[in-house]
Amino acid sequence: MQEWKLVRKYKGKLVLTPNGRRLVNSDAALWEYLSDRLAHPPAAAIGLVNAVVVRWLVKDALPSYDLRGKIMAEILTARGFAYDDGPITEREGRALVRDVIRTLECLNVLAKSEDVLSEDKKVTDSGREFLIEIQRKQHGRPS
């Protein structure tokens, strides 16, 4: 939530930012804000990772845990993304996918699983709508 600028630390406590205060009582406004943040993160590489994972989930085609990192690393590399010291590795690709999945679990887009490595990631009904909204925003289509 700090990354989305909804809360910040103040004297050792988390407090709402002006954006957080504005959105806290409006589900529709919060939905709009969060879907926009996920559709358009500040870094282009993260935007691509988000777009790929969202597409996988909407199509119910999330690759097996063993393949996610390899596929993501290949996609990022093919699009010209790399680190200063070399290409994106399978391990780093897996971590990027895992971060998106954890974020979506925190937003209740995905039903939480006891097993973090579980192949079976179920999209909730409202979560599917949220993912489709993210796709609309990624492609510049109106809601």
C-alpha atoms as a PDB file:
ATOM      1  CA  MET A   1       0.000   0.000   0.000  1.00  0.00           C
ATOM      2  CA  GLN A   2       2.982   2.265   0.499  1.00  0.00           C
ATOM      3  CA  GLU A   3       4.039   1.514  -3.073  1.00  0.00           C
ATOM      4  CA  TRP A   4       0.595   2.657  -4.256  1.00  0.00           C
ATOM      5  CA  LYS A   5       0.906   5.815  -2.141  1.00  0.00           C
ATOM      6  CA  LEU A   6      -2.153   5.026  -0.029  1.00  0.00           C
ATOM      7  CA  VAL A   7      -0.281   4.904   3.287  1.00  0.00           C
ATOM      8  CA  ARG A   8       3.021   6.255   4.568  1.00  0.00           C
ATOM      9  CA  LYS A   9       5.077   5.966   7.718  1.00  0.00           C
ATOM     10  CA  TYR A  10       4.757   8.814  10.187  1.00  0.00           C
ATOM     11  CA  LYS A  11       6.475   8.627  13.586  1.00  0.00           C
ATOM     12  CA  GLY A  12       6.743   4.855  13.273  1.00  0.00           C
ATOM     13  CA  LYS A  13       3.110   4.305  12.320  1.00  0.00           C
ATOM     14  CA  LEU A  14       1.347   3.778   9.019  1.00  0.00           C
ATOM     15  CA  VAL A  15      -1.085   6.586   8.266  1.00  0.00           C
ATOM     16  CA  LEU A  16      -3.308   7.284   5.292  1.00  0.00           C
ATOM     17  CA  THR A  17      -1.966   9.643   2.656  1.00  0.00           C
ATOM     18  CA  PRO A  18      -4.295  12.249   1.146  1.00  0.00           C
ATOM     19  CA  ASN A  19      -5.012   9.718  -1.628  1.00  0.00           C
ATOM     20  CA  GLY A  20      -5.709   7.033   0.966  1.00  0.00           C
ATOM     21  CA  ARG A  21      -8.123   9.293   2.841  1.00  0.00           C
ATOM     22  CA  ARG A  22      -9.894  10.169  -0.405  1.00  0.00           C
ATOM     23  CA  LEU A  23     -10.304   6.515  -1.414  1.00  0.00           C
ATOM     24  CA  VAL A  24     -10.923   4.803   1.914  1.00  0.00           C
ATOM     25  CA  ASN A  25     -14.710   5.176   1.831  1.00  0.00           C
ATOM     26  CA  SER A  26     -15.313   4.633  -1.877  1.00  0.00           C
ATOM     27  CA  ASP A  27     -15.034   1.087  -3.176  1.00  0.00           C
ATOM     28  CA  ALA A  28     -15.547   2.249  -6.766  1.00  0.00           C
ATOM     29  CA  ALA A  29     -12.829   4.902  -6.547  1.00  0.00           C
ATOM     30  CA  LEU A  30     -10.413   2.464  -4.874  1.00  0.00           C
ATOM     31  CA  TRP A  31     -11.144  -0.167  -7.567  1.00  0.00           C
ATOM     32  CA  GLU A  32     -10.441   2.429 -10.262  1.00  0.00           C
ATOM     33  CA  TYR A  33      -7.240   3.625  -8.587  1.00  0.00           C
ATOM     34  CA  LEU A  34      -5.790   0.158  -7.955  1.00  0.00           C
ATOM     35  CA  SER A  35      -6.664  -1.198 -11.396  1.00  0.00           C
ATOM     36  CA  ASP A  36      -4.972   1.841 -12.932  1.00  0.00           C
ATOM     37  CA  ARG A  37      -1.855   1.371 -10.779  1.00  0.00           C
ATOM     38  CA  LEU A  38      -1.583  -2.292 -11.790  1.00  0.00           C
ATOM     39  CA  ALA A  39      -2.237  -1.486 -15.451  1.00  0.00           C
ATOM     40  CA  HIS A  40       0.309   1.349 -15.520  1.00  0.00           C
ATOM     41  CA  PRO A  41       3.099   0.838 -12.968  1.00  0.00           C
ATOM     42  CA  PRO A  42       6.037   3.258 -13.045  1.00  0.00           C
ATOM     43  CA  ALA A  43       8.455   0.735 -14.625  1.00  0.00           C
ATOM     44  CA  ALA A  44       7.822  -0.592 -18.145  1.00  0.00           C
ATOM     45  CA  ALA A  45       9.203  -4.045 -17.295  1.00  0.00           C
ATOM     46  CA  ILE A  46       6.781  -4.397 -14.376  1.00  0.00           C
ATOM     47  CA  GLY A  47       3.960  -3.286 -16.660  1.00  0.00           C
ATOM     48  CA  LEU A  48       4.850  -6.119 -19.023  1.00  0.00           C
ATOM     49  CA  VAL A  49       5.036  -8.646 -16.172  1.00  0.00           C
ATOM     50  CA  ASN A  50       1.636  -7.484 -14.882  1.00  0.00           C
ATOM     51  CA  ALA A  51       0.118  -7.690 -18.379  1.00  0.00           C
ATOM     52  CA  VAL A  52       1.400 -11.226 -18.957  1.00  0.00           C
ATOM     53  CA  VAL A  53       0.276 -12.548 -15.564  1.00  0.00           C
ATOM     54  CA  VAL A  54      -3.140 -10.872 -15.912  1.00  0.00           C
ATOM     55  CA  ARG A  55      -3.552 -12.434 -19.370  1.00  0.00           C
ATOM     56  CA  TRP A  56      -2.605 -15.876 -18.024  1.00  0.00           C
ATOM     57  CA  LEU A  57      -5.136 -15.579 -15.206  1.00  0.00           C
ATOM     58  CA  VAL A  58      -7.993 -14.245 -17.352  1.00  0.00           C
ATOM     59  CA  LYS A  59      -7.474 -17.101 -19.810  1.00  0.00           C
ATOM     60  CA  ASP A  60      -7.077 -19.590 -16.943  1.00  0.00           C
ATOM     61  CA  ALA A  61      -3.713 -20.508 -18.457  1.00  0.00           C
ATOM     62  CA  LEU A  62      -1.219 -19.910 -15.638  1.00  0.00           C
ATOM     63  CA  PRO A  63       1.867 -21.990 -16.514  1.00  0.00           C
ATOM     64  CA  SER A  64       3.136 -24.551 -14.043  1.00  0.00           C
ATOM     65  CA  TYR A  65       5.276 -23.188 -11.232  1.00  0.00           C
ATOM     66  CA  ASP A  66       8.366 -24.755 -12.806  1.00  0.00           C
ATOM     67  CA  LEU A  67       7.831 -22.933 -16.119  1.00  0.00           C
ATOM     68  CA  ARG A  68       6.680 -19.474 -14.987  1.00  0.00           C
ATOM     69  CA  GLY A  69      10.124 -18.033 -14.366  1.00  0.00           C
ATOM     70  CA  LYS A  70      11.595 -19.356 -17.599  1.00  0.00           C
ATOM     71  CA  ILE A  71       8.696 -18.069 -19.685  1.00  0.00           C
ATOM     72  CA  MET A  72       8.720 -14.651 -18.012  1.00  0.00           C
ATOM     73  CA  ALA A  73      12.504 -14.298 -18.384  1.00  0.00           C
ATOM     74  CA  GLU A  74      12.209 -15.180 -22.082  1.00  0.00           C
ATOM     75  CA  ILE A  75       9.380 -12.681 -22.623  1.00  0.00           C
ATOM     76  CA  LEU A  76      11.263  -9.863 -20.891  1.00  0.00           C
ATOM     77  CA  THR A  77      14.487 -10.666 -22.744  1.00  0.00           C
ATOM     78  CA  ALA A  78      12.670 -10.799 -26.102  1.00  0.00           C
ATOM     79  CA  ARG A  79      11.276  -7.315 -25.383  1.00  0.00           C
ATOM     80  CA  GLY A  80      14.765  -5.986 -24.709  1.00  0.00           C
ATOM     81  CA  PHE A  81      14.762  -5.879 -20.901  1.00  0.00           C
ATOM     82  CA  ALA A  82      17.958  -6.855 -19.080  1.00  0.00           C
ATOM     83  CA  TYR A  83      20.016  -5.984 -16.038  1.00  0.00           C
ATOM     84  CA  ASP A  84      23.290  -4.065 -16.320  1.00  0.00           C
ATOM     85  CA  ASP A  85      25.168  -7.291 -15.587  1.00  0.00           C
ATOM     86  CA  GLY A  86      23.253  -9.559 -17.957  1.00  0.00           C
ATOM     87  CA  PRO A  87      19.914 -11.022 -18.966  1.00  0.00           C
ATOM     88  CA  ILE A  88      16.992 -11.678 -16.655  1.00  0.00           C
ATOM     89  CA  THR A  89      17.341 -15.152 -15.207  1.00  0.00           C
ATOM     90  CA  GLU A  90      14.695 -17.803 -14.703  1.00  0.00           C
ATOM     91  CA  ARG A  91      14.936 -17.259 -10.943  1.00  0.00           C
ATOM     92  CA  GLU A  92      14.333 -13.511 -11.328  1.00  0.00           C
ATOM     93  CA  GLY A  93      11.455 -14.173 -13.724  1.00  0.00           C
ATOM     94  CA  ARG A  94       9.876 -16.506 -11.174  1.00  0.00           C
ATOM     95  CA  ALA A  95      10.243 -13.868  -8.440  1.00  0.00           C
ATOM     96  CA  LEU A  96       8.547 -11.241 -10.632  1.00  0.00           C
ATOM     97  CA  VAL A  97       5.595 -13.554 -11.329  1.00  0.00           C
ATOM     98  CA  ARG A  98       5.387 -14.481  -7.648  1.00  0.00           C
ATOM     99  CA  ASP A  99       5.246 -10.791  -6.647  1.00  0.00           C
ATOM    100  CA  VAL A 100       2.296 -10.150  -8.973  1.00  0.00           C
ATOM    101  CA  ILE A 101       0.470 -13.245  -7.730  1.00  0.00           C
ATOM    102  CA  ARG A 102       1.015 -12.244  -4.092  1.00  0.00           C
ATOM    103  CA  THR A 103      -0.287  -8.749  -4.813  1.00  0.00           C
ATOM    104  CA  LEU A 104      -3.400 -10.184  -6.436  1.00  0.00           C
ATOM    105  CA  GLU A 105      -3.910 -12.538  -3.494  1.00  0.00           C
ATOM    106  CA  CYS A 106      -3.701  -9.571  -1.098  1.00  0.00           C
ATOM    107  CA  LEU A 107      -6.392  -7.815  -3.153  1.00  0.00           C
ATOM    108  CA  ASN A 108      -8.557 -10.974  -3.030  1.00  0.00           C
ATOM    109  CA  VAL A 109      -8.383 -11.274  -6.807  1.00  0.00           C
ATOM    110  CA  LEU A 110      -7.071 -14.779  -6.228  1.00  0.00           C
ATOM    111  CA  ALA A 111      -8.379 -17.104  -3.590  1.00  0.00           C
ATOM    112  CA  LYS A 112      -5.618 -17.516  -1.029  1.00  0.00           C
ATOM    113  CA  SER A 113      -3.963 -20.909  -0.936  1.00  0.00           C
ATOM    114  CA  GLU A 114      -2.171 -22.479   2.007  1.00  0.00           C
ATOM    115  CA  ASP A 115       0.461 -23.764  -0.419  1.00  0.00           C
ATOM    116  CA  VAL A 116       2.436 -20.874  -1.943  1.00  0.00           C
ATOM    117  CA  LEU A 117       3.758 -23.212  -4.647  1.00  0.00           C
ATOM    118  CA  SER A 118       0.284 -24.442  -5.521  1.00  0.00           C
ATOM    119  CA  GLU A 119      -0.352 -24.779  -9.240  1.00  0.00           C
ATOM    120  CA  ASP A 120      -4.018 -24.138  -8.613  1.00  0.00           C
ATOM    121  CA  LYS A 121      -4.601 -20.378  -8.484  1.00  0.00           C
ATOM    122  CA  LYS A 122      -8.327 -19.716  -8.533  1.00  0.00           C
ATOM    123  CA  VAL A 123      -9.554 -16.313  -9.643  1.00  0.00           C
ATOM    124  CA  THR A 124     -12.507 -15.053  -7.603  1.00  0.00           C
ATOM    125  CA  ASP A 125     -15.605 -13.819  -9.450  1.00  0.00           C
ATOM    126  CA  SER A 126     -14.969 -10.178  -8.598  1.00  0.00           C
ATOM    127  CA  GLY A 127     -11.271 -10.816  -9.205  1.00  0.00           C
ATOM    128  CA  ARG A 128     -11.987 -11.782 -12.812  1.00  0.00           C
ATOM    129  CA  GLU A 129     -13.830  -8.487 -13.305  1.00  0.00           C
ATOM    130  CA  PHE A 130     -10.874  -6.638 -11.775  1.00  0.00           C
ATOM    131  CA  LEU A 131      -8.394  -8.410 -14.077  1.00  0.00           C
ATOM    132  CA  ILE A 132     -10.513  -7.568 -17.121  1.00  0.00           C
ATOM    133  CA  GLU A 133     -10.595  -3.934 -15.974  1.00  0.00           C
ATOM    134  CA  ILE A 134      -6.787  -3.977 -15.761  1.00  0.00           C
ATOM    135  CA  GLN A 135      -6.640  -5.333 -19.317  1.00  0.00           C
ATOM    136  CA  ARG A 136      -8.968  -2.590 -20.553  1.00  0.00           C
ATOM    137  CA  LYS A 137      -6.722   0.047 -19.023  1.00  0.00           C
ATOM    138  CA  GLN A 138      -3.569  -1.586 -20.404  1.00  0.00           C
ATOM    139  CA  HIS A 139      -5.040  -1.419 -23.896  1.00  0.00           C
ATOM    140  CA  GLY A 140      -6.414   2.104 -23.463  1.00  0.00           C
ATOM    141  CA  ARG A 141     -10.058   1.061 -23.682  1.00  0.00           C
ATOM    142  CA  PRO A 142     -12.695   2.864 -21.610  1.00  0.00           C
ATOM    143  CA  SER A 143     -14.350   1.053 -18.704  1.00  0.00           C
END
